[in-house]
């Protein structure tokens, strides 16, 4: 099943445009001035915009992971801790103190 023209147009928007749409929808819904049917349509549009924001964020997160990945590492992980050889000896004191707290 191919996306509807509205869904295709929605997919072509940038993250900031989706976020702006969401902010406007929240404002409209919170005003309480929309009829029920219009509120439901706005809510549905908001759900679609939110899904697109999540999709875009996942894609960007993946791109960042690829960029920071070690080309020699087959399983890249963002924020992976340093190997023992690369660790700063002064950091070990802080780790011991943290361990004692628990």
C-alpha atoms as a PDB file:
ATOM      1  CA  UNK A   1       0.000   0.000   0.000  1.00  0.00           C
ATOM      2  CA  UNK A   2       1.542   3.294  -1.059  1.00  0.00           C
ATOM      3  CA  UNK A   3       1.443   6.370   1.182  1.00  0.00           C
ATOM      4  CA  UNK A   4      -1.332   8.874   0.643  1.00  0.00           C
ATOM      5  CA  UNK A   5      -0.383  12.292  -0.800  1.00  0.00           C
ATOM      6  CA  UNK A   6      -0.764  13.779   2.691  1.00  0.00           C
ATOM      7  CA  UNK A   7       1.555  11.157   4.199  1.00  0.00           C
ATOM      8  CA  UNK A   8       4.112  11.649   1.389  1.00  0.00           C
ATOM      9  CA  UNK A   9       4.041  15.414   1.909  1.00  0.00           C
ATOM     10  CA  UNK A  10       4.422  14.845   5.654  1.00  0.00           C
ATOM     11  CA  UNK A  11       7.477  12.599   5.092  1.00  0.00           C
ATOM     12  CA  UNK A  12       9.155  15.321   3.014  1.00  0.00           C
ATOM     13  CA  UNK A  13       9.023  17.851   5.859  1.00  0.00           C
ATOM     14  CA  UNK A  14      12.053  18.608   7.974  1.00  0.00           C
ATOM     15  CA  UNK A  15      12.205  17.837  11.695  1.00  0.00           C
ATOM     16  CA  UNK A  16      11.771  21.498  12.617  1.00  0.00           C
ATOM     17  CA  UNK A  17       8.653  21.753  10.469  1.00  0.00           C
ATOM     18  CA  UNK A  18       7.122  18.728  12.181  1.00  0.00           C
ATOM     19  CA  UNK A  19       8.003  20.178  15.573  1.00  0.00           C
ATOM     20  CA  UNK A  20       6.442  23.513  14.647  1.00  0.00           C
ATOM     21  CA  UNK A  21       3.304  21.672  13.493  1.00  0.00           C
ATOM     22  CA  UNK A  22       3.157  19.834  16.820  1.00  0.00           C
ATOM     23  CA  UNK A  23       3.533  23.050  18.788  1.00  0.00           C
ATOM     24  CA  UNK A  24       0.708  24.684  16.825  1.00  0.00           C
ATOM     25  CA  UNK A  25      -1.528  21.644  17.295  1.00  0.00           C
ATOM     26  CA  UNK A  26      -0.919  21.626  21.046  1.00  0.00           C
ATOM     27  CA  UNK A  27      -1.762  25.321  21.175  1.00  0.00           C
ATOM     28  CA  UNK A  28      -4.948  24.789  19.148  1.00  0.00           C
ATOM     29  CA  UNK A  29      -6.080  21.843  21.253  1.00  0.00           C
ATOM     30  CA  UNK A  30      -5.309  23.570  24.547  1.00  0.00           C
ATOM     31  CA  UNK A  31      -7.326  26.612  23.507  1.00  0.00           C
ATOM     32  CA  UNK A  32     -10.490  24.518  23.676  1.00  0.00           C
ATOM     33  CA  UNK A  33     -12.024  26.539  20.849  1.00  0.00           C
ATOM     34  CA  UNK A  34     -12.067  23.807  18.185  1.00  0.00           C
ATOM     35  CA  UNK A  35     -15.132  21.686  17.558  1.00  0.00           C
ATOM     36  CA  UNK A  36     -14.732  18.021  18.487  1.00  0.00           C
ATOM     37  CA  UNK A  37     -14.296  16.775  14.902  1.00  0.00           C
ATOM     38  CA  UNK A  38     -11.659  19.432  14.139  1.00  0.00           C
ATOM     39  CA  UNK A  39      -9.862  18.574  17.389  1.00  0.00           C
ATOM     40  CA  UNK A  40      -9.758  14.926  16.363  1.00  0.00           C
ATOM     41  CA  UNK A  41      -8.340  15.807  12.927  1.00  0.00           C
ATOM     42  CA  UNK A  42      -5.704  18.037  14.525  1.00  0.00           C
ATOM     43  CA  UNK A  43      -4.863  15.279  17.003  1.00  0.00           C
ATOM     44  CA  UNK A  44      -4.417  12.762  14.171  1.00  0.00           C
ATOM     45  CA  UNK A  45      -2.134  15.198  12.356  1.00  0.00           C
ATOM     46  CA  UNK A  46      -0.179  15.634  15.578  1.00  0.00           C
ATOM     47  CA  UNK A  47       0.275  11.890  15.965  1.00  0.00           C
ATOM     48  CA  UNK A  48       1.590  11.651  12.399  1.00  0.00           C
ATOM     49  CA  UNK A  49       3.961  14.584  12.974  1.00  0.00           C
ATOM     50  CA  UNK A  50       5.209  12.984  16.185  1.00  0.00           C
ATOM     51  CA  UNK A  51       5.855   9.705  14.367  1.00  0.00           C
ATOM     52  CA  UNK A  52       7.795  11.546  11.698  1.00  0.00           C
ATOM     53  CA  UNK A  53       9.864  13.333  14.356  1.00  0.00           C
ATOM     54  CA  UNK A  54      10.725   9.964  15.912  1.00  0.00           C
ATOM     55  CA  UNK A  55      11.586   8.517  12.490  1.00  0.00           C
ATOM     56  CA  UNK A  56      13.853  11.453  11.657  1.00  0.00           C
ATOM     57  CA  UNK A  57      15.549  11.280  15.057  1.00  0.00           C
ATOM     58  CA  UNK A  58      16.215   7.533  14.619  1.00  0.00           C
ATOM     59  CA  UNK A  59      17.732   8.180  11.189  1.00  0.00           C
ATOM     60  CA  UNK A  60      19.927  10.990  12.508  1.00  0.00           C
ATOM     61  CA  UNK A  61      20.979   8.897  15.501  1.00  0.00           C
ATOM     62  CA  UNK A  62      22.018   6.097  13.163  1.00  0.00           C
ATOM     63  CA  UNK A  63      24.012   8.528  11.006  1.00  0.00           C
ATOM     64  CA  UNK A  64      25.802   9.867  14.098  1.00  0.00           C
ATOM     65  CA  UNK A  65      26.601   6.323  15.244  1.00  0.00           C
ATOM     66  CA  UNK A  66      28.106   5.590  11.838  1.00  0.00           C
ATOM     67  CA  UNK A  67      30.159   8.794  11.950  1.00  0.00           C
ATOM     68  CA  UNK A  68      31.623   8.166  15.410  1.00  0.00           C
ATOM     69  CA  UNK A  69      32.147   4.439  14.896  1.00  0.00           C
ATOM     70  CA  UNK A  70      35.679   3.085  14.894  1.00  0.00           C
ATOM     71  CA  UNK A  71      36.263   1.781  11.348  1.00  0.00           C
ATOM     72  CA  UNK A  72      38.097  -1.198  12.876  1.00  0.00           C
ATOM     73  CA  UNK A  73      35.223  -2.031  15.220  1.00  0.00           C
ATOM     74  CA  UNK A  74      32.564  -4.298  13.731  1.00  0.00           C
ATOM     75  CA  UNK A  75      29.979  -3.446  16.438  1.00  0.00           C
ATOM     76  CA  UNK A  76      30.091   0.337  17.011  1.00  0.00           C
ATOM     77  CA  UNK A  77      28.539   1.706  20.175  1.00  0.00           C
ATOM     78  CA  UNK A  78      28.084   5.394  20.842  1.00  0.00           C
ATOM     79  CA  UNK A  79      29.552   6.496  24.143  1.00  0.00           C
ATOM     80  CA  UNK A  80      31.522   3.290  24.573  1.00  0.00           C
ATOM     81  CA  UNK A  81      34.007   3.571  27.416  1.00  0.00           C
ATOM     82  CA  UNK A  82      37.720   3.658  26.773  1.00  0.00           C
ATOM     83  CA  UNK A  83      39.717   0.482  26.674  1.00  0.00           C
ATOM     84  CA  UNK A  84      41.877  -0.193  29.770  1.00  0.00           C
ATOM     85  CA  UNK A  85      45.011   0.812  27.837  1.00  0.00           C
ATOM     86  CA  UNK A  86      43.470   4.216  26.973  1.00  0.00           C
ATOM     87  CA  UNK A  87      42.013   4.911  30.419  1.00  0.00           C
ATOM     88  CA  UNK A  88      43.332   7.846  32.404  1.00  0.00           C
ATOM     89  CA  UNK A  89      44.792   6.546  35.704  1.00  0.00           C
ATOM     90  CA  UNK A  90      43.369   9.549  37.570  1.00  0.00           C
ATOM     91  CA  UNK A  91      39.858   8.425  36.536  1.00  0.00           C
ATOM     92  CA  UNK A  92      40.182   5.174  38.488  1.00  0.00           C
ATOM     93  CA  UNK A  93      39.990   7.033  41.818  1.00  0.00           C
ATOM     94  CA  UNK A  94      36.599   8.488  40.889  1.00  0.00           C
ATOM     95  CA  UNK A  95      35.347   5.082  39.847  1.00  0.00           C
ATOM     96  CA  UNK A  96      36.335   3.560  43.183  1.00  0.00           C
ATOM     97  CA  UNK A  97      34.566   6.349  45.045  1.00  0.00           C
ATOM     98  CA  UNK A  98      31.436   5.852  42.939  1.00  0.00           C
ATOM     99  CA  UNK A  99      31.531   2.128  43.619  1.00  0.00           C
ATOM    100  CA  UNK A 100      31.681   2.741  47.361  1.00  0.00           C
ATOM    101  CA  UNK A 101      28.542   4.869  47.224  1.00  0.00           C
ATOM    102  CA  UNK A 102      26.398   1.878  46.278  1.00  0.00           C
END
